[in-house]
mmCIF file of all heavy atoms, coordinates in Angstrom:
data_MODEL
# 
_entry.id   MODEL 
# 
loop_
_atom_site.group_PDB 
_atom_site.id 
_atom_site.type_symbol 
_atom_site.label_atom_id 
_atom_site.label_alt_id 
_atom_site.label_comp_id 
_atom_site.label_asym_id 
_atom_site.label_entity_id 
_atom_site.label_seq_id 
_atom_site.pdbx_PDB_ins_code 
_atom_site.Cartn_x 
_atom_site.Cartn_y 
_atom_site.Cartn_z 
_atom_site.occupancy 
_atom_site.B_iso_or_equiv 
_atom_site.pdbx_formal_charge 
_atom_site.auth_seq_id 
_atom_site.auth_comp_id 
_atom_site.auth_asym_id 
_atom_site.auth_atom_id 
_atom_site.pdbx_PDB_model_num 
ATOM 1   N N   . ARG A 1 1  ? 0.847  -1.194 0.009  1.00 0.00 ? 1  ARG A N   1 
ATOM 2   C CA  . ARG A 1 1  ? 0.006  0.013  0.003  1.00 0.00 ? 1  ARG A CA  1 
ATOM 3   C C   . ARG A 1 1  ? 0.867  1.260  -0.001 1.00 0.00 ? 1  ARG A C   1 
ATOM 4   O O   . ARG A 1 1  ? 1.744  1.402  0.822  1.00 0.00 ? 1  ARG A O   1 
ATOM 5   C CB  . ARG A 1 1  ? -0.912 -0.002 1.222  1.00 0.00 ? 1  ARG A CB  1 
ATOM 6   C CG  . ARG A 1 1  ? -1.992 1.037  1.223  1.00 0.00 ? 1  ARG A CG  1 
ATOM 7   C CD  . ARG A 1 1  ? -3.015 0.824  2.364  1.00 0.00 ? 1  ARG A CD  1 
ATOM 8   N NE  . ARG A 1 1  ? -2.864 -0.422 3.070  1.00 0.00 ? 1  ARG A NE  1 
ATOM 9   C CZ  . ARG A 1 1  ? -2.332 -0.519 4.319  1.00 0.00 ? 1  ARG A CZ  1 
ATOM 10  N NH1 . ARG A 1 1  ? -1.988 0.548  4.977  1.00 0.00 ? 1  ARG A NH1 1 
ATOM 11  N NH2 . ARG A 1 1  ? -2.233 -1.705 4.896  1.00 0.00 ? 1  ARG A NH2 1 
ATOM 12  N N   . PRO A 1 2  ? 0.637  2.192  -0.928 1.00 0.00 ? 2  PRO A N   1 
ATOM 13  C CA  . PRO A 1 2  ? 1.420  3.411  -1.008 1.00 0.00 ? 2  PRO A CA  1 
ATOM 14  C C   . PRO A 1 2  ? 1.384  4.222  0.310  1.00 0.00 ? 2  PRO A C   1 
ATOM 15  O O   . PRO A 1 2  ? 0.333  4.423  0.897  1.00 0.00 ? 2  PRO A O   1 
ATOM 16  C CB  . PRO A 1 2  ? 0.773  4.207  -2.136 1.00 0.00 ? 2  PRO A CB  1 
ATOM 17  C CG  . PRO A 1 2  ? 0.130  3.150  -2.986 1.00 0.00 ? 2  PRO A CG  1 
ATOM 18  C CD  . PRO A 1 2  ? -0.367 2.114  -2.030 1.00 0.00 ? 2  PRO A CD  1 
ATOM 19  N N   . GLY A 1 3  ? 2.561  4.610  0.752  1.00 0.00 ? 3  GLY A N   1 
ATOM 20  C CA  . GLY A 1 3  ? 2.693  5.490  1.912  1.00 0.00 ? 3  GLY A CA  1 
ATOM 21  C C   . GLY A 1 3  ? 2.480  4.825  3.266  1.00 0.00 ? 3  GLY A C   1 
ATOM 22  O O   . GLY A 1 3  ? 2.482  5.519  4.282  1.00 0.00 ? 3  GLY A O   1 
ATOM 23  N N   . ALA A 1 4  ? 2.310  3.514  3.315  1.00 0.00 ? 4  ALA A N   1 
ATOM 24  C CA  . ALA A 1 4  ? 2.009  2.851  4.600  1.00 0.00 ? 4  ALA A CA  1 
ATOM 25  C C   . ALA A 1 4  ? 3.249  2.508  5.411  1.00 0.00 ? 4  ALA A C   1 
ATOM 26  O O   . ALA A 1 4  ? 3.133  2.093  6.560  1.00 0.00 ? 4  ALA A O   1 
ATOM 27  C CB  . ALA A 1 4  ? 1.209  1.569  4.348  1.00 0.00 ? 4  ALA A CB  1 
ATOM 28  N N   . GLY A 1 5  ? 4.454  2.710  4.871  1.00 0.00 ? 5  GLY A N   1 
ATOM 29  C CA  . GLY A 1 5  ? 5.685  2.347  5.576  1.00 0.00 ? 5  GLY A CA  1 
ATOM 30  C C   . GLY A 1 5  ? 6.394  3.546  6.147  1.00 0.00 ? 5  GLY A C   1 
ATOM 31  O O   . GLY A 1 5  ? 6.020  4.708  5.923  1.00 0.00 ? 5  GLY A O   1 
ATOM 32  N N   . SER A 1 6  ? 7.466  3.232  6.870  1.00 0.00 ? 6  SER A N   1 
ATOM 33  C CA  . SER A 1 6  ? 8.292  4.296  7.511  1.00 0.00 ? 6  SER A CA  1 
ATOM 34  C C   . SER A 1 6  ? 9.705  3.819  7.557  1.00 0.00 ? 6  SER A C   1 
ATOM 35  O O   . SER A 1 6  ? 10.016 2.632  7.395  1.00 0.00 ? 6  SER A O   1 
ATOM 36  C CB  . SER A 1 6  ? 7.814  4.550  8.960  1.00 0.00 ? 6  SER A CB  1 
ATOM 37  O OG  . SER A 1 6  ? 6.472  4.999  8.986  1.00 0.00 ? 6  SER A OG  1 
ATOM 38  N N   . LEU A 1 7  ? 10.623 4.729  7.862  1.00 0.00 ? 7  LEU A N   1 
ATOM 39  C CA  . LEU A 1 7  ? 12.019 4.438  8.144  1.00 0.00 ? 7  LEU A CA  1 
ATOM 40  C C   . LEU A 1 7  ? 12.248 4.758  9.616  1.00 0.00 ? 7  LEU A C   1 
ATOM 41  O O   . LEU A 1 7  ? 11.935 5.861  10.066 1.00 0.00 ? 7  LEU A O   1 
ATOM 42  C CB  . LEU A 1 7  ? 12.950 5.249  7.244  1.00 0.00 ? 7  LEU A CB  1 
ATOM 43  C CG  . LEU A 1 7  ? 14.456 4.984  7.431  1.00 0.00 ? 7  LEU A CG  1 
ATOM 44  C CD1 . LEU A 1 7  ? 14.828 3.555  7.060  1.00 0.00 ? 7  LEU A CD1 1 
ATOM 45  C CD2 . LEU A 1 7  ? 15.252 5.980  6.576  1.00 0.00 ? 7  LEU A CD2 1 
ATOM 46  N N   . HIS A 1 8  ? 12.755 3.780  10.358 1.00 0.00 ? 8  HIS A N   1 
ATOM 47  C CA  . HIS A 1 8  ? 12.935 3.908  11.796 1.00 0.00 ? 8  HIS A CA  1 
ATOM 48  C C   . HIS A 1 8  ? 14.414 3.838  12.159 1.00 0.00 ? 8  HIS A C   1 
ATOM 49  O O   . HIS A 1 8  ? 15.202 3.216  11.462 1.00 0.00 ? 8  HIS A O   1 
ATOM 50  C CB  . HIS A 1 8  ? 12.189 2.766  12.520 1.00 0.00 ? 8  HIS A CB  1 
ATOM 51  C CG  . HIS A 1 8  ? 10.770 2.628  12.126 1.00 0.00 ? 8  HIS A CG  1 
ATOM 52  N ND1 . HIS A 1 8  ? 9.774  3.362  12.714 1.00 0.00 ? 8  HIS A ND1 1 
ATOM 53  C CD2 . HIS A 1 8  ? 10.185 1.871  11.167 1.00 0.00 ? 8  HIS A CD2 1 
ATOM 54  C CE1 . HIS A 1 8  ? 8.613  3.044  12.156 1.00 0.00 ? 8  HIS A CE1 1 
ATOM 55  N NE2 . HIS A 1 8  ? 8.854  2.140  11.194 1.00 0.00 ? 8  HIS A NE2 1 
ATOM 56  N N   . ARG A 1 9  ? 14.752 4.434  13.316 1.00 0.00 ? 9  ARG A N   1 
ATOM 57  C CA  . ARG A 1 9  ? 16.132 4.364  13.833 1.00 0.00 ? 9  ARG A CA  1 
ATOM 58  C C   . ARG A 1 9  ? 16.088 3.820  15.229 1.00 0.00 ? 9  ARG A C   1 
ATOM 59  O O   . ARG A 1 9  ? 15.312 4.241  16.077 1.00 0.00 ? 9  ARG A O   1 
ATOM 60  C CB  . ARG A 1 9  ? 16.767 5.772  13.837 1.00 0.00 ? 9  ARG A CB  1 
ATOM 61  C CG  . ARG A 1 9  ? 18.231 5.755  14.232 1.00 0.00 ? 9  ARG A CG  1 
ATOM 62  C CD  . ARG A 1 9  ? 18.823 7.108  14.342 1.00 0.00 ? 9  ARG A CD  1 
ATOM 63  N NE  . ARG A 1 9  ? 18.300 7.780  15.546 1.00 0.00 ? 9  ARG A NE  1 
ATOM 64  C CZ  . ARG A 1 9  ? 17.910 9.053  15.601 1.00 0.00 ? 9  ARG A CZ  1 
ATOM 65  N NH1 . ARG A 1 9  ? 17.984 9.827  14.544 1.00 0.00 ? 9  ARG A NH1 1 
ATOM 66  N NH2 . ARG A 1 9  ? 17.445 9.568  16.713 1.00 0.00 ? 9  ARG A NH2 1 
ATOM 67  N N   . LEU A 1 10 ? 16.984 2.854  15.500 1.00 0.00 ? 10 LEU A N   1 
ATOM 68  C CA  . LEU A 1 10 ? 17.203 2.269  16.828 1.00 0.00 ? 10 LEU A CA  1 
ATOM 69  C C   . LEU A 1 10 ? 18.508 2.801  17.362 1.00 0.00 ? 10 LEU A C   1 
ATOM 70  O O   . LEU A 1 10 ? 19.559 2.581  16.756 1.00 0.00 ? 10 LEU A O   1 
ATOM 71  C CB  . LEU A 1 10 ? 17.205 0.766  16.749 1.00 0.00 ? 10 LEU A CB  1 
ATOM 72  C CG  . LEU A 1 10 ? 17.577 -0.002 18.034 1.00 0.00 ? 10 LEU A CG  1 
ATOM 73  C CD1 . LEU A 1 10 ? 16.541 0.243  19.119 1.00 0.00 ? 10 LEU A CD1 1 
ATOM 74  C CD2 . LEU A 1 10 ? 17.715 -1.489 17.734 1.00 0.00 ? 10 LEU A CD2 1 
ATOM 75  N N   . ASP A 1 11 ? 18.454 3.530  18.463 1.00 0.00 ? 11 ASP A N   1 
ATOM 76  C CA  . ASP A 1 11 ? 19.647 4.110  19.079 1.00 0.00 ? 11 ASP A CA  1 
ATOM 77  C C   . ASP A 1 11 ? 20.282 3.131  20.047 1.00 0.00 ? 11 ASP A C   1 
ATOM 78  O O   . ASP A 1 11 ? 19.604 2.212  20.556 1.00 0.00 ? 11 ASP A O   1 
ATOM 79  C CB  . ASP A 1 11 ? 19.317 5.419  19.767 1.00 0.00 ? 11 ASP A CB  1 
ATOM 80  C CG  . ASP A 1 11 ? 18.955 6.525  18.804 1.00 0.00 ? 11 ASP A CG  1 
ATOM 81  O OD1 . ASP A 1 11 ? 19.488 6.514  17.679 1.00 0.00 ? 11 ASP A OD1 1 
ATOM 82  O OD2 . ASP A 1 11 ? 18.150 7.390  19.161 1.00 0.00 ? 11 ASP A OD2 1 
ATOM 83  N N   . PRO A 1 12 ? 21.585 3.294  20.368 1.00 0.00 ? 12 PRO A N   1 
ATOM 84  C CA  . PRO A 1 12 ? 22.267 2.374  21.302 1.00 0.00 ? 12 PRO A CA  1 
ATOM 85  C C   . PRO A 1 12 ? 21.587 2.269  22.681 1.00 0.00 ? 12 PRO A C   1 
ATOM 86  O O   . PRO A 1 12 ? 21.704 1.234  23.327 1.00 0.00 ? 12 PRO A O   1 
ATOM 87  C CB  . PRO A 1 12 ? 23.652 2.971  21.420 1.00 0.00 ? 12 PRO A CB  1 
ATOM 88  C CG  . PRO A 1 12 ? 23.882 3.663  20.111 1.00 0.00 ? 12 PRO A CG  1 
ATOM 89  C CD  . PRO A 1 12 ? 22.523 4.234  19.770 1.00 0.00 ? 12 PRO A CD  1 
ATOM 90  N N   . ASP A 1 13 ? 20.859 3.302  23.084 1.00 0.00 ? 13 ASP A N   1 
ATOM 91  C CA  . ASP A 1 13 ? 20.180 3.234  24.387 1.00 0.00 ? 13 ASP A CA  1 
ATOM 92  C C   . ASP A 1 13 ? 18.868 2.478  24.333 1.00 0.00 ? 13 ASP A C   1 
ATOM 93  O O   . ASP A 1 13 ? 18.162 2.354  25.342 1.00 0.00 ? 13 ASP A O   1 
ATOM 94  C CB  . ASP A 1 13 ? 19.949 4.639  24.963 1.00 0.00 ? 13 ASP A CB  1 
ATOM 95  C CG  . ASP A 1 13 ? 18.978 5.479  24.153 1.00 0.00 ? 13 ASP A CG  1 
ATOM 96  O OD1 . ASP A 1 13 ? 18.375 4.968  23.174 1.00 0.00 ? 13 ASP A OD1 1 
ATOM 97  O OD2 . ASP A 1 13 ? 18.791 6.660  24.501 1.00 0.00 ? 13 ASP A OD2 1 
ATOM 98  N N   . GLY A 1 14 ? 18.507 1.938  23.150 1.00 0.00 ? 14 GLY A N   1 
ATOM 99  C CA  . GLY A 1 14 ? 17.300 1.161  22.999 1.00 0.00 ? 14 GLY A CA  1 
ATOM 100 C C   . GLY A 1 14 ? 16.080 1.969  22.544 1.00 0.00 ? 14 GLY A C   1 
ATOM 101 O O   . GLY A 1 14 ? 15.019 1.409  22.275 1.00 0.00 ? 14 GLY A O   1 
ATOM 102 N N   . SER A 1 15 ? 16.221 3.282  22.479 1.00 0.00 ? 15 SER A N   1 
ATOM 103 C CA  . SER A 1 15 ? 15.094 4.110  22.037 1.00 0.00 ? 15 SER A CA  1 
ATOM 104 C C   . SER A 1 15 ? 14.936 4.030  20.506 1.00 0.00 ? 15 SER A C   1 
ATOM 105 O O   . SER A 1 15 ? 15.922 3.760  19.802 1.00 0.00 ? 15 SER A O   1 
ATOM 106 C CB  . SER A 1 15 ? 15.269 5.567  22.474 1.00 0.00 ? 15 SER A CB  1 
ATOM 107 O OG  . SER A 1 15 ? 16.420 6.118  21.856 1.00 0.00 ? 15 SER A OG  1 
ATOM 108 N N   . THR A 1 16 ? 13.733 4.285  20.038 1.00 0.00 ? 16 THR A N   1 
ATOM 109 C CA  . THR A 1 16 ? 13.482 4.267  18.609 1.00 0.00 ? 16 THR A CA  1 
ATOM 110 C C   . THR A 1 16 ? 12.868 5.607  18.180 1.00 0.00 ? 16 THR A C   1 
ATOM 111 O O   . THR A 1 16 ? 12.187 6.265  18.960 1.00 0.00 ? 16 THR A O   1 
ATOM 112 C CB  . THR A 1 16 ? 12.514 3.146  18.195 1.00 0.00 ? 16 THR A CB  1 
ATOM 113 O OG1 . THR A 1 16 ? 11.276 3.311  18.890 1.00 0.00 ? 16 THR A OG1 1 
ATOM 114 C CG2 . THR A 1 16 ? 13.113 1.777  18.511 1.00 0.00 ? 16 THR A CG2 1 
ATOM 115 N N   . THR A 1 17 ? 13.157 5.964  16.923 1.00 0.00 ? 17 THR A N   1 
ATOM 116 C CA  . THR A 1 17 ? 12.634 7.198  16.365 1.00 0.00 ? 17 THR A CA  1 
ATOM 117 C C   . THR A 1 17 ? 12.193 6.893  14.932 1.00 0.00 ? 17 THR A C   1 
ATOM 118 O O   . THR A 1 17 ? 12.893 6.219  14.174 1.00 0.00 ? 17 THR A O   1 
ATOM 119 C CB  . THR A 1 17 ? 13.744 8.268  16.321 1.00 0.00 ? 17 THR A CB  1 
ATOM 120 O OG1 . THR A 1 17 ? 14.240 8.474  17.615 1.00 0.00 ? 17 THR A OG1 1 
ATOM 121 C CG2 . THR A 1 17 ? 13.216 9.574  15.762 1.00 0.00 ? 17 THR A CG2 1 
ATOM 122 N N   . THR A 1 18 ? 11.023 7.404  14.545 1.00 0.00 ? 18 THR A N   1 
ATOM 123 C CA  . THR A 1 18 ? 10.629 7.358  13.148 1.00 0.00 ? 18 THR A CA  1 
ATOM 124 C C   . THR A 1 18 ? 11.250 8.563  12.457 1.00 0.00 ? 18 THR A C   1 
ATOM 125 O O   . THR A 1 18 ? 10.965 9.691  12.845 1.00 0.00 ? 18 THR A O   1 
ATOM 126 C CB  . THR A 1 18 ? 9.089  7.374  13.002 1.00 0.00 ? 18 THR A CB  1 
ATOM 127 O OG1 . THR A 1 18 ? 8.556  6.262  13.699 1.00 0.00 ? 18 THR A OG1 1 
ATOM 128 C CG2 . THR A 1 18 ? 8.668  7.336  11.542 1.00 0.00 ? 18 THR A CG2 1 
ATOM 129 N N   . VAL A 1 19 ? 12.077 8.287  11.450 1.00 0.00 ? 19 VAL A N   1 
ATOM 130 C CA  . VAL A 1 19 ? 12.797 9.390  10.779 1.00 0.00 ? 19 VAL A CA  1 
ATOM 131 C C   . VAL A 1 19 ? 12.179 9.753  9.432  1.00 0.00 ? 19 VAL A C   1 
ATOM 132 O O   . VAL A 1 19 ? 12.488 10.811 8.888  1.00 0.00 ? 19 VAL A O   1 
ATOM 133 C CB  . VAL A 1 19 ? 14.298 9.095  10.642 1.00 0.00 ? 19 VAL A CB  1 
ATOM 134 C CG1 . VAL A 1 19 ? 14.961 8.984  11.993 1.00 0.00 ? 19 VAL A CG1 1 
ATOM 135 C CG2 . VAL A 1 19 ? 14.552 7.846  9.828  1.00 0.00 ? 19 VAL A CG2 1 
ATOM 136 N N   . LEU A 1 20 ? 11.325 8.901  8.892  1.00 0.00 ? 20 LEU A N   1 
ATOM 137 C CA  . LEU A 1 20 ? 10.713 9.176  7.608  1.00 0.00 ? 20 LEU A CA  1 
ATOM 138 C C   . LEU A 1 20 ? 9.389  8.416  7.518  1.00 0.00 ? 20 LEU A C   1 
ATOM 139 O O   . LEU A 1 20 ? 9.336  7.213  7.724  1.00 0.00 ? 20 LEU A O   1 
ATOM 140 C CB  . LEU A 1 20 ? 11.650 8.713  6.478  1.00 0.00 ? 20 LEU A CB  1 
ATOM 141 C CG  . LEU A 1 20 ? 11.278 9.039  5.048  1.00 0.00 ? 20 LEU A CG  1 
ATOM 142 C CD1 . LEU A 1 20 ? 11.179 10.536 4.834  1.00 0.00 ? 20 LEU A CD1 1 
ATOM 143 C CD2 . LEU A 1 20 ? 12.329 8.432  4.113  1.00 0.00 ? 20 LEU A CD2 1 
ATOM 144 N N   . ASP A 1 21 ? 8.303  9.161  7.233  1.00 0.00 ? 21 ASP A N   1 
ATOM 145 C CA  . ASP A 1 21 ? 6.963  8.585  7.061  1.00 0.00 ? 21 ASP A CA  1 
ATOM 146 C C   . ASP A 1 21 ? 6.589  8.593  5.583  1.00 0.00 ? 21 ASP A C   1 
ATOM 147 O O   . ASP A 1 21 ? 7.259  9.230  4.770  1.00 0.00 ? 21 ASP A O   1 
ATOM 148 C CB  . ASP A 1 21 ? 5.915  9.383  7.822  1.00 0.00 ? 21 ASP A CB  1 
ATOM 149 C CG  . ASP A 1 21 ? 5.864  9.037  9.302  1.00 0.00 ? 21 ASP A CG  1 
ATOM 150 O OD1 . ASP A 1 21 ? 6.033  7.856  9.639  1.00 0.00 ? 21 ASP A OD1 1 
ATOM 151 O OD2 . ASP A 1 21 ? 5.677  9.980  10.109 1.00 0.00 ? 21 ASP A OD2 1 
ATOM 152 N N   . GLY A 1 22 ? 5.480  7.933  5.241  1.00 0.00 ? 22 GLY A N   1 
ATOM 153 C CA  . GLY A 1 22 ? 4.944  8.000  3.906  1.00 0.00 ? 22 GLY A CA  1 
ATOM 154 C C   . GLY A 1 22 ? 5.743  7.189  2.893  1.00 0.00 ? 22 GLY A C   1 
ATOM 155 O O   . GLY A 1 22 ? 5.699  7.450  1.688  1.00 0.00 ? 22 GLY A O   1 
ATOM 156 N N   . VAL A 1 23 ? 6.430  6.166  3.353  1.00 0.00 ? 23 VAL A N   1 
ATOM 157 C CA  . VAL A 1 23 ? 7.242  5.281  2.513  1.00 0.00 ? 23 VAL A CA  1 
ATOM 158 C C   . VAL A 1 23 ? 6.358  4.154  1.985  1.00 0.00 ? 23 VAL A C   1 
ATOM 159 O O   . VAL A 1 23 ? 5.490  3.681  2.706  1.00 0.00 ? 23 VAL A O   1 
ATOM 160 C CB  . VAL A 1 23 ? 8.434  4.749  3.310  1.00 0.00 ? 23 VAL A CB  1 
ATOM 161 C CG1 . VAL A 1 23 ? 9.184  3.691  2.543  1.00 0.00 ? 23 VAL A CG1 1 
ATOM 162 C CG2 . VAL A 1 23 ? 9.337  5.886  3.735  1.00 0.00 ? 23 VAL A CG2 1 
ATOM 163 N N   . THR A 1 24 ? 6.603  3.692  0.788  1.00 0.00 ? 24 THR A N   1 
ATOM 164 C CA  . THR A 1 24 ? 5.841  2.573  0.256  1.00 0.00 ? 24 THR A CA  1 
ATOM 165 C C   . THR A 1 24 ? 6.584  1.247  0.427  1.00 0.00 ? 24 THR A C   1 
ATOM 166 O O   . THR A 1 24 ? 6.126  0.359  1.111  1.00 0.00 ? 24 THR A O   1 
ATOM 167 C CB  . THR A 1 24 ? 5.462  2.789  -1.222 1.00 0.00 ? 24 THR A CB  1 
ATOM 168 O OG1 . THR A 1 24 ? 4.677  4.013  -1.296 1.00 0.00 ? 24 THR A OG1 1 
ATOM 169 C CG2 . THR A 1 24 ? 4.644  1.658  -1.800 1.00 0.00 ? 24 THR A CG2 1 
ATOM 170 N N   . ILE A 1 25 ? 7.758  1.104  -0.174 1.00 0.00 ? 25 ILE A N   1 
ATOM 171 C CA  . ILE A 1 25 ? 8.589  -0.080 0.002  1.00 0.00 ? 25 ILE A CA  1 
ATOM 172 C C   . ILE A 1 25 ? 9.999  0.382  0.347  1.00 0.00 ? 25 ILE A C   1 
ATOM 173 O O   . ILE A 1 25 ? 10.817 0.681  -0.520 1.00 0.00 ? 25 ILE A O   1 
ATOM 174 C CB  . ILE A 1 25 ? 8.607  -0.968 -1.248 1.00 0.00 ? 25 ILE A CB  1 
ATOM 175 C CG1 . ILE A 1 25 ? 7.197  -1.404 -1.641 1.00 0.00 ? 25 ILE A CG1 1 
ATOM 176 C CG2 . ILE A 1 25 ? 9.502  -2.198 -1.033 1.00 0.00 ? 25 ILE A CG2 1 
ATOM 177 C CD1 . ILE A 1 25 ? 7.097  -2.182 -2.939 1.00 0.00 ? 25 ILE A CD1 1 
# 
């Protein structure tokens, strides 16, 4: 589905951040 994905980052302290939304594949 277009735009349903994201790019995420996992930091060494275990926290996560979404760095890019609206990704397809």
